[in-house]
Amino acid sequence: MGSASVPEYVLNAHSPLNGYTQEFSGVAVSEIVDRLILSVSIPAGEKTEFEAALQAGFGLSIPKTGRVTTSGSSTAYLLGLQKNLYFLVYDAPAREPAIERLKAAIYHTDQSDNWVMLLVDGEKCREVLARICPVDLHPAKFPVGKVVRSLMAHVGVIIYRPSDDSFCLLAPSSSAESFLQALEAAAISALG
C-alpha cells in the first residue's frame, strides 16, 4: 500500500473587505489593513505595571473611558471602551517585543480577525455618517480623540475620531460587507 500524501493547508491572513478603498465626492472610505487589535483588561492591582509597559513599548498612557490616547507616530492607539477595558490597536512587526512585555501585565485576547476597520476621511465625512449614525458627531459633542460604541445600520460599531475630518469605524468582520454597503449608500445619498 502506497502512502497517501496529506495536503498541506496554509492559512493566510486577509482583510474582510480585501483592502477596500473608494472616493465619494471628496470623502474617501478605506479599509485599514495594517493594524492588529488586542482587547486588554487590567487585573486588579496591575495598573501600574500595565502603565509602565504601555508607556515603554508604545509611548501610550491609559485614557479615560470614552477617550483615546495615541503614540507620537499614530501607529498605535488605545481606545478607552469602559473602565479597565481597552482596545490596543497597533502595527505588529515593530511591536512584538513590547507586546510580549505588555501581555505579562494584562488579560488579553487578539481581536484582529473579529473586526473590520474603516476610515471615513474628508471634509464632509460627518454628513455621510449622519445618514446611518445616531450619535451627534458635531465637533463640540464628539471632539478629536473621542470613542463610543453605537449602532450604525443595525450593526454594533466602535466609532473613533482620529482627526478633524476623519472617523475610524470598527465593525464586526462577520457584518463587514453589509456594513460597507450601508456606508456606501450613505455616502451616495449625502454627497450625490
Foldseek 3Di string as FASTA:
>chain_A
DDDDDDDDDDDDDAALVRFDWDDQQFKIKTWDDQKWKKKWAFDPPLQVQLQVLCCVQAVWGDDAAQFKTAHPVRQWMWHRPDVRIIIIIHGPPSRVVSVVSNVVGTDIDTCRLFKIKMKIFGPCSVQLQVVFFPDPCPCVRANAGGWYWDDGPNWIWIWHHPDDGMIMIITTSVCVVVRVVSSVVSSNVRRD
